[in-house]
Amino acid sequence: MGATKYDQFSDHHNEMSALLKALAHPARVAIVEYLLKVESCICGDIVDHLPLAQPTVSQHLRELKNAGIIQGSVEGTSICYCLNEKALGKLKNYFGKLESKVKSKCC
């Protein structure tokens, strides 16, 4: 297998890549949209909402948390998840810049 070349790109490129990669799965998009709707919840709530088993939902939550898109706080024996506004702000800023560049260069 070839060597990765992450170190040849800027921190910004690697950060955006990690955020976008974490969102590149329909289950994770559904989880983010669910969290937008309810603001915060526990894993069991998401399991009840999606057609996925609890271990699968937990794996997707872990990927989103590792990327910094969501954060969790312990509440008793459960973890309450919510969206990380800082990460969402980075995505909004990134896509806002893309949109403005496209609008200024497109016919």
PDB file of N, CA and C in Angstrom:
ATOM      1  N   MET A   1       0.844  -1.167   0.000  1.00  0.00           N
ATOM      2  CA  MET A   1       0.000   0.000   0.000  1.00  0.00           C
ATOM      3  C   MET A   1       0.896   1.238   0.000  1.00  0.00           C
ATOM      4  N   GLY A   2       0.494   2.273  -0.721  1.00  0.00           N
ATOM      5  CA  GLY A   2       1.287   3.493  -0.823  1.00  0.00           C
ATOM      6  C   GLY A   2       1.266   4.301   0.452  1.00  0.00           C
ATOM      7  N   ALA A   3       2.276   5.119   0.599  1.00  0.00           N
ATOM      8  CA  ALA A   3       2.371   5.986   1.768  1.00  0.00           C
ATOM      9  C   ALA A   3       1.383   7.147   1.645  1.00  0.00           C
ATOM     10  N   THR A   4       0.824   7.568   2.765  1.00  0.00           N
ATOM     11  CA  THR A   4      -0.072   8.718   2.749  1.00  0.00           C
ATOM     12  C   THR A   4       0.761   9.986   2.617  1.00  0.00           C
ATOM     13  N   LYS A   5       0.145  11.012   2.093  1.00  0.00           N
ATOM     14  CA  LYS A   5       0.861  12.264   1.868  1.00  0.00           C
ATOM     15  C   LYS A   5       0.203  13.421   2.611  1.00  0.00           C
ATOM     16  N   TYR A   6      -0.447  13.100   3.720  1.00  0.00           N
ATOM     17  CA  TYR A   6      -1.123  14.135   4.501  1.00  0.00           C
ATOM     18  C   TYR A   6      -0.170  15.239   4.936  1.00  0.00           C
ATOM     19  N   ASP A   7       1.072  14.864   5.227  1.00  0.00           N
ATOM     20  CA  ASP A   7       2.032  15.853   5.705  1.00  0.00           C
ATOM     21  C   ASP A   7       2.450  16.834   4.616  1.00  0.00           C
ATOM     22  N   GLN A   8       2.094  16.556   3.380  1.00  0.00           N
ATOM     23  CA  GLN A   8       2.434  17.458   2.281  1.00  0.00           C
ATOM     24  C   GLN A   8       1.347  18.512   2.040  1.00  0.00           C
ATOM     25  N   PHE A   9       0.275  18.462   2.831  1.00  0.00           N
ATOM     26  CA  PHE A   9      -0.807  19.428   2.710  1.00  0.00           C
ATOM     27  C   PHE A   9      -0.869  20.271   3.973  1.00  0.00           C
ATOM     28  N   SER A  10      -1.506  21.414   3.864  1.00  0.00           N
ATOM     29  CA  SER A  10      -1.594  22.323   5.016  1.00  0.00           C
ATOM     30  C   SER A  10      -2.502  21.737   6.101  1.00  0.00           C
ATOM     31  N   ASP A  11      -2.368  22.293   7.295  1.00  0.00           N
ATOM     32  CA  ASP A  11      -3.242  21.885   8.397  1.00  0.00           C
ATOM     33  C   ASP A  11      -4.700  22.136   8.027  1.00  0.00           C
ATOM     34  N   HIS A  12      -4.948  23.248   7.346  1.00  0.00           N
ATOM     35  CA  HIS A  12      -6.309  23.587   6.909  1.00  0.00           C
ATOM     36  C   HIS A  12      -6.861  22.501   5.987  1.00  0.00           C
ATOM     37  N   HIS A  13      -6.079  22.078   5.005  1.00  0.00           N
ATOM     38  CA  HIS A  13      -6.540  21.043   4.075  1.00  0.00           C
ATOM     39  C   HIS A  13      -6.836  19.737   4.803  1.00  0.00           C
ATOM     40  N   ASN A  14      -5.971  19.366   5.710  1.00  0.00           N
ATOM     41  CA  ASN A  14      -6.176  18.122   6.456  1.00  0.00           C
ATOM     42  C   ASN A  14      -7.379  18.217   7.396  1.00  0.00           C
ATOM     43  N   GLU A  15      -7.565  19.378   8.009  1.00  0.00           N
ATOM     44  CA  GLU A  15      -8.716  19.556   8.900  1.00  0.00           C
ATOM     45  C   GLU A  15     -10.028  19.482   8.122  1.00  0.00           C
ATOM     46  N   MET A  16     -10.099  20.175   6.990  1.00  0.00           N
ATOM     47  CA  MET A  16     -11.322  20.147   6.187  1.00  0.00           C
ATOM     48  C   MET A  16     -11.566  18.741   5.646  1.00  0.00           C
ATOM     49  N   SER A  17     -10.517  18.063   5.250  1.00  0.00           N
ATOM     50  CA  SER A  17     -10.647  16.695   4.759  1.00  0.00           C
ATOM     51  C   SER A  17     -11.232  15.775   5.826  1.00  0.00           C
ATOM     52  N   ALA A  18     -10.772  15.914   7.063  1.00  0.00           N
ATOM     53  CA  ALA A  18     -11.280  15.074   8.157  1.00  0.00           C
ATOM     54  C   ALA A  18     -12.755  15.360   8.430  1.00  0.00           C
ATOM     55  N   LEU A  19     -13.132  16.643   8.420  1.00  0.00           N
ATOM     56  CA  LEU A  19     -14.537  16.994   8.648  1.00  0.00           C
ATOM     57  C   LEU A  19     -15.424  16.438   7.537  1.00  0.00           C
ATOM     58  N   LEU A  20     -14.994  16.640   6.299  1.00  0.00           N
ATOM     59  CA  LEU A  20     -15.802  16.188   5.167  1.00  0.00           C
ATOM     60  C   LEU A  20     -15.858  14.671   5.075  1.00  0.00           C
ATOM     61  N   LYS A  21     -14.756  14.014   5.387  1.00  0.00           N
ATOM     62  CA  LYS A  21     -14.732  12.545   5.374  1.00  0.00           C
ATOM     63  C   LYS A  21     -15.716  11.980   6.397  1.00  0.00           C
ATOM     64  N   ALA A  22     -15.774  12.610   7.560  1.00  0.00           N
ATOM     65  CA  ALA A  22     -16.695  12.141   8.597  1.00  0.00           C
ATOM     66  C   ALA A  22     -18.148  12.286   8.161  1.00  0.00           C
ATOM     67  N   LEU A  23     -18.425  13.257   7.320  1.00  0.00           N
ATOM     68  CA  LEU A  23     -19.795  13.472   6.842  1.00  0.00           C
ATOM     69  C   LEU A  23     -20.116  12.674   5.577  1.00  0.00           C
ATOM     70  N   ALA A  24     -19.142  11.965   5.061  1.00  0.00           N
ATOM     71  CA  ALA A  24     -19.311  11.267   3.784  1.00  0.00           C
ATOM     72  C   ALA A  24     -19.959   9.893   3.938  1.00  0.00           C
ATOM     73  N   HIS A  25     -20.989   9.824   4.742  1.00  0.00           N
ATOM     74  CA  HIS A  25     -21.751   8.579   4.908  1.00  0.00           C
ATOM     75  C   HIS A  25     -23.195   8.971   5.213  1.00  0.00           C
ATOM     76  N   PRO A  26     -24.157   8.352   4.538  1.00  0.00           N
ATOM     77  CA  PRO A  26     -25.556   8.759   4.743  1.00  0.00           C
ATOM     78  C   PRO A  26     -26.040   8.605   6.184  1.00  0.00           C
ATOM     79  N   ALA A  27     -25.551   7.619   6.910  1.00  0.00           N
ATOM     80  CA  ALA A  27     -25.974   7.456   8.305  1.00  0.00           C
ATOM     81  C   ALA A  27     -25.481   8.627   9.149  1.00  0.00           C
ATOM     82  N   ARG A  28     -24.271   9.103   8.876  1.00  0.00           N
ATOM     83  CA  ARG A  28     -23.729  10.223   9.652  1.00  0.00           C
ATOM     84  C   ARG A  28     -24.447  11.518   9.304  1.00  0.00           C
ATOM     85  N   VAL A  29     -24.804  11.680   8.045  1.00  0.00           N
ATOM     86  CA  VAL A  29     -25.592  12.851   7.653  1.00  0.00           C
ATOM     87  C   VAL A  29     -26.940  12.809   8.376  1.00  0.00           C
ATOM     88  N   ALA A  30     -27.549  11.638   8.435  1.00  0.00           N
ATOM     89  CA  ALA A  30     -28.837  11.493   9.134  1.00  0.00           C
ATOM     90  C   ALA A  30     -28.687  11.794  10.627  1.00  0.00           C
ATOM     91  N   ILE A  31     -27.586  11.364  11.231  1.00  0.00           N
ATOM     92  CA  ILE A  31     -27.354  11.644  12.653  1.00  0.00           C
ATOM     93  C   ILE A  31     -27.206  13.144  12.878  1.00  0.00           C
ATOM     94  N   VAL A  32     -26.429  13.819  12.031  1.00  0.00           N
ATOM     95  CA  VAL A  32     -26.243  15.268  12.159  1.00  0.00           C
ATOM     96  C   VAL A  32     -27.583  15.984  12.000  1.00  0.00           C
ATOM     97  N   GLU A  33     -28.371  15.584  11.014  1.00  0.00           N
ATOM     98  CA  GLU A  33     -29.679  16.216  10.814  1.00  0.00           C
ATOM     99  C   GLU A  33     -30.610  15.958  11.992  1.00  0.00           C
ATOM    100  N   TYR A  34     -30.536  14.777  12.570  1.00  0.00           N
ATOM    101  CA  TYR A  34     -31.350  14.473  13.749  1.00  0.00           C
ATOM    102  C   TYR A  34     -30.928  15.353  14.924  1.00  0.00           C
ATOM    103  N   LEU A  35     -29.621  15.498  15.126  1.00  0.00           N
ATOM    104  CA  LEU A  35     -29.133  16.349  16.213  1.00  0.00           C
ATOM    105  C   LEU A  35     -29.492  17.813  15.984  1.00  0.00           C
ATOM    106  N   LEU A  36     -29.555  18.235  14.739  1.00  0.00           N
ATOM    107  CA  LEU A  36     -30.014  19.601  14.443  1.00  0.00           C
ATOM    108  C   LEU A  36     -31.454  19.798  14.891  1.00  0.00           C
ATOM    109  N   LYS A  37     -32.239  18.761  14.699  1.00  0.00           N
ATOM    110  CA  LYS A  37     -33.661  18.835  15.033  1.00  0.00           C
ATOM    111  C   LYS A  37     -33.906  18.802  16.540  1.00  0.00           C
ATOM    112  N   VAL A  38     -33.195  17.943  17.249  1.00  0.00           N
ATOM    113  CA  VAL A  38     -33.467  17.753  18.675  1.00  0.00           C
ATOM    114  C   VAL A  38     -32.479  18.479  19.587  1.00  0.00           C
ATOM    115  N   GLU A  39     -31.424  19.009  19.046  1.00  0.00           N
ATOM    116  CA  GLU A  39     -30.367  19.750  19.750  1.00  0.00           C
ATOM    117  C   GLU A  39     -29.421  18.858  20.537  1.00  0.00           C
ATOM    118  N   SER A  40     -29.905  17.910  21.297  1.00  0.00           N
ATOM    119  CA  SER A  40     -29.030  16.959  21.983  1.00  0.00           C
ATOM    120  C   SER A  40     -29.833  15.704  22.303  1.00  0.00           C
ATOM    121  N   CYS A  41     -29.119  14.575  22.404  1.00  0.00           N
ATOM    122  CA  CYS A  41     -29.810  13.316  22.707  1.00  0.00           C
ATOM    123  C   CYS A  41     -28.793  12.270  23.117  1.00  0.00           C
ATOM    124  N   ILE A  42     -29.306  11.121  23.533  1.00  0.00           N
ATOM    125  CA  ILE A  42     -28.440   9.992  23.847  1.00  0.00           C
ATOM    126  C   ILE A  42     -28.469   9.009  22.677  1.00  0.00           C
ATOM    127  N   CYS A  43     -27.521   8.117  22.656  1.00  0.00           N
ATOM    128  CA  CYS A  43     -27.386   7.156  21.554  1.00  0.00           C
ATOM    129  C   CYS A  43     -28.681   6.385  21.314  1.00  0.00           C
ATOM    130  N   GLY A  44     -29.370   5.990  22.381  1.00  0.00           N
ATOM    131  CA  GLY A  44     -30.611   5.222  22.245  1.00  0.00           C
ATOM    132  C   GLY A  44     -31.673   5.970  21.466  1.00  0.00           C
ATOM    133  N   ASP A  45     -31.714   7.302  21.619  1.00  0.00           N
ATOM    134  CA  ASP A  45     -32.675   8.097  20.847  1.00  0.00           C
ATOM    135  C   ASP A  45     -32.390   7.985  19.353  1.00  0.00           C
ATOM    136  N   ILE A  46     -31.107   8.029  19.013  1.00  0.00           N
ATOM    137  CA  ILE A  46     -30.714   7.944  17.598  1.00  0.00           C
ATOM    138  C   ILE A  46     -31.021   6.556  17.063  1.00  0.00           C
ATOM    139  N   VAL A  47     -30.761   5.527  17.870  1.00  0.00           N
ATOM    140  CA  VAL A  47     -31.058   4.148  17.459  1.00  0.00           C
ATOM    141  C   VAL A  47     -32.547   4.000  17.157  1.00  0.00           C
ATOM    142  N   ASP A  48     -33.384   4.617  17.978  1.00  0.00           N
ATOM    143  CA  ASP A  48     -34.835   4.552  17.755  1.00  0.00           C
ATOM    144  C   ASP A  48     -35.251   5.285  16.488  1.00  0.00           C
ATOM    145  N   HIS A  49     -34.466   6.272  16.081  1.00  0.00           N
ATOM    146  CA  HIS A  49     -34.806   7.104  14.923  1.00  0.00           C
ATOM    147  C   HIS A  49     -34.286   6.538  13.602  1.00  0.00           C
ATOM    148  N   LEU A  50     -33.180   5.798  13.632  1.00  0.00           N
ATOM    149  CA  LEU A  50     -32.555   5.289  12.404  1.00  0.00           C
ATOM    150  C   LEU A  50     -32.725   3.773  12.281  1.00  0.00           C
ATOM    151  N   PRO A  51     -32.682   3.270  11.054  1.00  0.00           N
ATOM    152  CA  PRO A  51     -32.809   1.819  10.847  1.00  0.00           C
ATOM    153  C   PRO A  51     -31.476   1.091  11.013  1.00  0.00           C
ATOM    154  N   LEU A  52     -30.777   1.392  12.119  1.00  0.00           N
ATOM    155  CA  LEU A  52     -29.460   0.808  12.355  1.00  0.00           C
ATOM    156  C   LEU A  52     -29.394   0.221  13.761  1.00  0.00           C
ATOM    157  N   ALA A  53     -28.561  -0.783  13.925  1.00  0.00           N
ATOM    158  CA  ALA A  53     -28.361  -1.388  15.236  1.00  0.00           C
ATOM    159  C   ALA A  53     -27.546  -0.454  16.130  1.00  0.00           C
ATOM    160  N   GLN A  54     -27.682  -0.629  17.423  1.00  0.00           N
ATOM    161  CA  GLN A  54     -26.993   0.233  18.391  1.00  0.00           C
ATOM    162  C   GLN A  54     -25.477   0.240  18.190  1.00  0.00           C
ATOM    163  N   PRO A  55     -24.819  -0.911  17.965  1.00  0.00           N
ATOM    164  CA  PRO A  55     -23.365  -0.864  17.764  1.00  0.00           C
ATOM    165  C   PRO A  55     -22.969  -0.060  16.509  1.00  0.00           C
ATOM    166  N   THR A  56     -23.790  -0.131  15.483  1.00  0.00           N
ATOM    167  CA  THR A  56     -23.516   0.619  14.254  1.00  0.00           C
ATOM    168  C   THR A  56     -23.656   2.115  14.498  1.00  0.00           C
ATOM    169  N   VAL A  57     -24.704   2.508  15.208  1.00  0.00           N
ATOM    170  CA  VAL A  57     -24.898   3.919  15.546  1.00  0.00           C
ATOM    171  C   VAL A  57     -23.730   4.406  16.401  1.00  0.00           C
ATOM    172  N   SER A  58     -23.309   3.604  17.364  1.00  0.00           N
ATOM    173  CA  SER A  58     -22.182   3.982  18.219  1.00  0.00           C
ATOM    174  C   SER A  58     -20.908   4.192  17.411  1.00  0.00           C
ATOM    175  N   GLN A  59     -20.696   3.333  16.415  1.00  0.00           N
ATOM    176  CA  GLN A  59     -19.510   3.478  15.559  1.00  0.00           C
ATOM    177  C   GLN A  59     -19.570   4.790  14.774  1.00  0.00           C
ATOM    178  N   HIS A  60     -20.732   5.126  14.235  1.00  0.00           N
ATOM    179  CA  HIS A  60     -20.870   6.375  13.487  1.00  0.00           C
ATOM    180  C   HIS A  60     -20.716   7.586  14.413  1.00  0.00           C
ATOM    181  N   LEU A  61     -21.256   7.497  15.617  1.00  0.00           N
ATOM    182  CA  LEU A  61     -21.087   8.577  16.591  1.00  0.00           C
ATOM    183  C   LEU A  61     -19.606   8.767  16.924  1.00  0.00           C
ATOM    184  N   ARG A  62     -18.884   7.679  17.055  1.00  0.00           N
ATOM    185  CA  ARG A  62     -17.450   7.758  17.352  1.00  0.00           C
ATOM    186  C   ARG A  62     -16.706   8.473  16.222  1.00  0.00           C
ATOM    187  N   GLU A  63     -17.047   8.165  14.978  1.00  0.00           N
ATOM    188  CA  GLU A  63     -16.402   8.827  13.829  1.00  0.00           C
ATOM    189  C   GLU A  63     -16.706  10.324  13.826  1.00  0.00           C
ATOM    190  N   LEU A  64     -17.956  10.680  14.082  1.00  0.00           N
ATOM    191  CA  LEU A  64     -18.329  12.093  14.120  1.00  0.00           C
ATOM    192  C   LEU A  64     -17.646  12.813  15.280  1.00  0.00           C
ATOM    193  N   LYS A  65     -17.526  12.135  16.403  1.00  0.00           N
ATOM    194  CA  LYS A  65     -16.877  12.742  17.566  1.00  0.00           C
ATOM    195  C   LYS A  65     -15.377  12.889  17.334  1.00  0.00           C
ATOM    196  N   ASN A  66     -14.749  11.881  16.749  1.00  0.00           N
ATOM    197  CA  ASN A  66     -13.311  11.959  16.467  1.00  0.00           C
ATOM    198  C   ASN A  66     -12.988  13.102  15.506  1.00  0.00           C
ATOM    199  N   ALA A  67     -13.897  13.390  14.588  1.00  0.00           N
ATOM    200  CA  ALA A  67     -13.705  14.489  13.641  1.00  0.00           C
ATOM    201  C   ALA A  67     -14.027  15.838  14.270  1.00  0.00           C
ATOM    202  N   GLY A  68     -14.664  15.817  15.440  1.00  0.00           N
ATOM    203  CA  GLY A  68     -15.003  17.056  16.125  1.00  0.00           C
ATOM    204  C   GLY A  68     -16.343  17.647  15.723  1.00  0.00           C
ATOM    205  N   ILE A  69     -17.133  16.925  14.949  1.00  0.00           N
ATOM    206  CA  ILE A  69     -18.424  17.433  14.490  1.00  0.00           C
ATOM    207  C   ILE A  69     -19.464  17.389  15.604  1.00  0.00           C
ATOM    208  N   ILE A  70     -19.347  16.381  16.468  1.00  0.00           N
ATOM    209  CA  ILE A  70     -20.240  16.303  17.627  1.00  0.00           C
ATOM    210  C   ILE A  70     -19.390  16.231  18.884  1.00  0.00           C
ATOM    211  N   GLN A  71     -20.036  16.486  20.002  1.00  0.00           N
ATOM    212  CA  GLN A  71     -19.382  16.326  21.293  1.00  0.00           C
ATOM    213  C   GLN A  71     -20.359  15.627  22.219  1.00  0.00           C
ATOM    214  N   GLY A  72     -19.828  14.999  23.227  1.00  0.00           N
ATOM    215  CA  GLY A  72     -20.680  14.267  24.150  1.00  0.00           C
ATOM    216  C   GLY A  72     -20.332  14.562  25.590  1.00  0.00           C
ATOM    217  N   SER A  73     -21.357  14.549  26.424  1.00  0.00           N
ATOM    218  CA  SER A  73     -21.149  14.726  27.861  1.00  0.00           C
ATOM    219  C   SER A  73     -21.860  13.591  28.586  1.00  0.00           C
ATOM    220  N   VAL A  74     -21.232  13.117  29.640  1.00  0.00           N
ATOM    221  CA  VAL A  74     -21.787  12.001  30.402  1.00  0.00           C
ATOM    222  C   VAL A  74     -22.935  12.496  31.262  1.00  0.00           C
ATOM    223  N   GLU A  75     -24.061  11.796  31.149  1.00  0.00           N
ATOM    224  CA  GLU A  75     -25.229  12.073  31.981  1.00  0.00           C
ATOM    225  C   GLU A  75     -25.685  10.749  32.575  1.00  0.00           C
ATOM    226  N   GLY A  76     -25.264  10.497  33.787  1.00  0.00           N
ATOM    227  CA  GLY A  76     -25.575   9.217  34.422  1.00  0.00           C
ATOM    228  C   GLY A  76     -24.797   8.104  33.737  1.00  0.00           C
ATOM    229  N   THR A  77     -25.528   7.133  33.214  1.00  0.00           N
ATOM    230  CA  THR A  77     -24.883   6.022  32.516  1.00  0.00           C
ATOM    231  C   THR A  77     -24.902   6.214  31.005  1.00  0.00           C
ATOM    232  N   SER A  78     -25.364   7.364  30.538  1.00  0.00           N
ATOM    233  CA  SER A  78     -25.473   7.639  29.102  1.00  0.00           C
ATOM    234  C   SER A  78     -24.583   8.806  28.708  1.00  0.00           C
ATOM    235  N   ILE A  79     -24.337   8.912  27.426  1.00  0.00           N
ATOM    236  CA  ILE A  79     -23.628  10.060  26.872  1.00  0.00           C
ATOM    237  C   ILE A  79     -24.628  10.861  26.052  1.00  0.00           C
ATOM    238  N   CYS A  80     -24.724  12.133  26.359  1.00  0.00           N
ATOM    239  CA  CYS A  80     -25.623  13.032  25.645  1.00  0.00           C
ATOM    240  C   CYS A  80     -24.817  13.722  24.547  1.00  0.00           C
ATOM    241  N   TYR A  81     -25.236  13.536  23.303  1.00  0.00           N
ATOM    242  CA  TYR A  81     -24.510  14.091  22.159  1.00  0.00           C
ATOM    243  C   TYR A  81     -25.168  15.367  21.650  1.00  0.00           C
ATOM    244  N   CYS A  82     -24.321  16.283  21.182  1.00  0.00           N
ATOM    245  CA  CYS A  82     -24.808  17.497  20.536  1.00  0.00           C
ATOM    246  C   CYS A  82     -23.790  17.907  19.470  1.00  0.00           C
ATOM    247  N   LEU A  83     -24.214  18.803  18.589  1.00  0.00           N
ATOM    248  CA  LEU A  83     -23.337  19.279  17.532  1.00  0.00           C
ATOM    249  C   LEU A  83     -22.316  20.267  18.093  1.00  0.00           C
ATOM    250  N   ASN A  84     -21.127  20.236  17.533  1.00  0.00           N
ATOM    251  CA  ASN A  84     -20.066  21.154  17.916  1.00  0.00           C
ATOM    252  C   ASN A  84     -20.157  22.386  17.021  1.00  0.00           C
ATOM    253  N   GLU A  85     -20.592  23.496  17.587  1.00  0.00           N
ATOM    254  CA  GLU A  85     -20.798  24.717  16.804  1.00  0.00           C
ATOM    255  C   GLU A  85     -19.522  25.201  16.132  1.00  0.00           C
ATOM    256  N   LYS A  86     -18.387  24.994  16.750  1.00  0.00           N
ATOM    257  CA  LYS A  86     -17.109  25.432  16.165  1.00  0.00           C
ATOM    258  C   LYS A  86     -16.823  24.688  14.860  1.00  0.00           C
ATOM    259  N   ALA A  87     -17.030  23.381  14.865  1.00  0.00           N
ATOM    260  CA  ALA A  87     -16.800  22.589  13.649  1.00  0.00           C
ATOM    261  C   ALA A  87     -17.793  22.971  12.560  1.00  0.00           C
ATOM    262  N   LEU A  88     -19.054  23.179  12.948  1.00  0.00           N
ATOM    263  CA  LEU A  88     -20.054  23.580  11.962  1.00  0.00           C
ATOM    264  C   LEU A  88     -19.727  24.961  11.395  1.00  0.00           C
ATOM    265  N   GLY A  89     -19.177  25.837  12.224  1.00  0.00           N
ATOM    266  CA  GLY A  89     -18.757  27.152  11.752  1.00  0.00           C
ATOM    267  C   GLY A  89     -17.644  27.051  10.728  1.00  0.00           C
ATOM    268  N   LYS A  90     -16.711  26.132  10.946  1.00  0.00           N
ATOM    269  CA  LYS A  90     -15.622  25.927   9.984  1.00  0.00           C
ATOM    270  C   LYS A  90     -16.169  25.447   8.642  1.00  0.00           C
ATOM    271  N   LEU A  91     -17.132  24.521   8.689  1.00  0.00           N
ATOM    272  CA  LEU A  91     -17.735  24.029   7.450  1.00  0.00           C
ATOM    273  C   LEU A  91     -18.512  25.143   6.745  1.00  0.00           C
ATOM    274  N   LYS A  92     -19.246  25.924   7.516  1.00  0.00           N
ATOM    275  CA  LYS A  92     -20.021  27.033   6.945  1.00  0.00           C
ATOM    276  C   LYS A  92     -19.084  28.038   6.274  1.00  0.00           C
ATOM    277  N   ASN A  93     -18.007  28.374   6.947  1.00  0.00           N
ATOM    278  CA  ASN A  93     -17.029  29.309   6.402  1.00  0.00           C
ATOM    279  C   ASN A  93     -16.400  28.765   5.123  1.00  0.00           C
ATOM    280  N   TYR A  94     -16.033  27.492   5.142  1.00  0.00           N
ATOM    281  CA  TYR A  94     -15.412  26.850   3.981  1.00  0.00           C
ATOM    282  C   TYR A  94     -16.352  26.885   2.770  1.00  0.00           C
ATOM    283  N   PHE A  95     -17.595  26.447   2.978  1.00  0.00           N
ATOM    284  CA  PHE A  95     -18.534  26.425   1.859  1.00  0.00           C
ATOM    285  C   PHE A  95     -18.968  27.826   1.446  1.00  0.00           C
ATOM    286  N   GLY A  96     -18.987  28.758   2.384  1.00  0.00           N
ATOM    287  CA  GLY A  96     -19.287  30.144   2.045  1.00  0.00           C
ATOM    288  C   GLY A  96     -18.232  30.730   1.119  1.00  0.00           C
ATOM    289  N   LYS A  97     -16.963  30.433   1.408  1.00  0.00           N
ATOM    290  CA  LYS A  97     -15.874  30.898   0.543  1.00  0.00           C
ATOM    291  C   LYS A  97     -15.962  30.258  -0.839  1.00  0.00           C
ATOM    292  N   LEU A  98     -16.261  28.982  -0.871  1.00  0.00           N
ATOM    293  CA  LEU A  98     -16.411  28.299  -2.165  1.00  0.00           C
ATOM    294  C   LEU A  98     -17.543  28.928  -2.972  1.00  0.00           C
ATOM    295  N   GLU A  99     -18.650  29.158  -2.309  1.00  0.00           N
ATOM    296  CA  GLU A  99     -19.806  29.728  -2.994  1.00  0.00           C
ATOM    297  C   GLU A  99     -19.491  31.109  -3.556  1.00  0.00           C
ATOM    298  N   SER A 100     -18.828  31.941  -2.782  1.00  0.00           N
ATOM    299  CA  SER A 100     -18.532  33.292  -3.262  1.00  0.00           C
ATOM    300  C   SER A 100     -17.540  33.264  -4.420  1.00  0.00           C
ATOM    301  N   LYS A 101     -16.586  32.328  -4.388  1.00  0.00           N
ATOM    302  CA  LYS A 101     -15.637  32.202  -5.507  1.00  0.00           C
ATOM    303  C   LYS A 101     -16.347  31.738  -6.772  1.00  0.00           C
ATOM    304  N   VAL A 102     -17.238  30.781  -6.631  1.00  0.00           N
ATOM    305  CA  VAL A 102     -17.972  30.261  -7.789  1.00  0.00           C
ATOM    306  C   VAL A 102     -18.845  31.347  -8.382  1.00  0.00           C
ATOM    307  N   LYS A 103     -19.538  32.098  -7.538  1.00  0.00           N
ATOM    308  CA  LYS A 103     -20.422  33.163  -8.027  1.00  0.00           C
ATOM    309  C   LYS A 103     -19.630  34.252  -8.754  1.00  0.00           C
ATOM    310  N   SER A 104     -18.421  34.545  -8.280  1.00  0.00           N
ATOM    311  CA  SER A 104     -17.649  35.615  -8.909  1.00  0.00           C
ATOM    312  C   SER A 104     -16.963  35.173 -10.197  1.00  0.00           C
ATOM    313  N   LYS A 105     -16.797  33.890 -10.399  1.00  0.00           N
ATOM    314  CA  LYS A 105     -16.097  33.394 -11.587  1.00  0.00           C
ATOM    315  C   LYS A 105     -17.001  32.738 -12.609  1.00  0.00           C
ATOM    316  N   CYS A 106     -18.210  32.446 -12.218  1.00  0.00           N
ATOM    317  CA  CYS A 106     -19.120  31.735 -13.115  1.00  0.00           C
ATOM    318  C   CYS A 106     -19.905  32.699 -13.992  1.00  0.00           C
ATOM    319  N   CYS A 107     -20.250  32.226 -15.163  1.00  0.00           N
ATOM    320  CA  CYS A 107     -20.983  33.094 -16.093  1.00  0.00           C
ATOM    321  C   CYS A 107     -22.462  33.124 -15.828  1.00  0.00           C
TER     322      CYS A 107
END
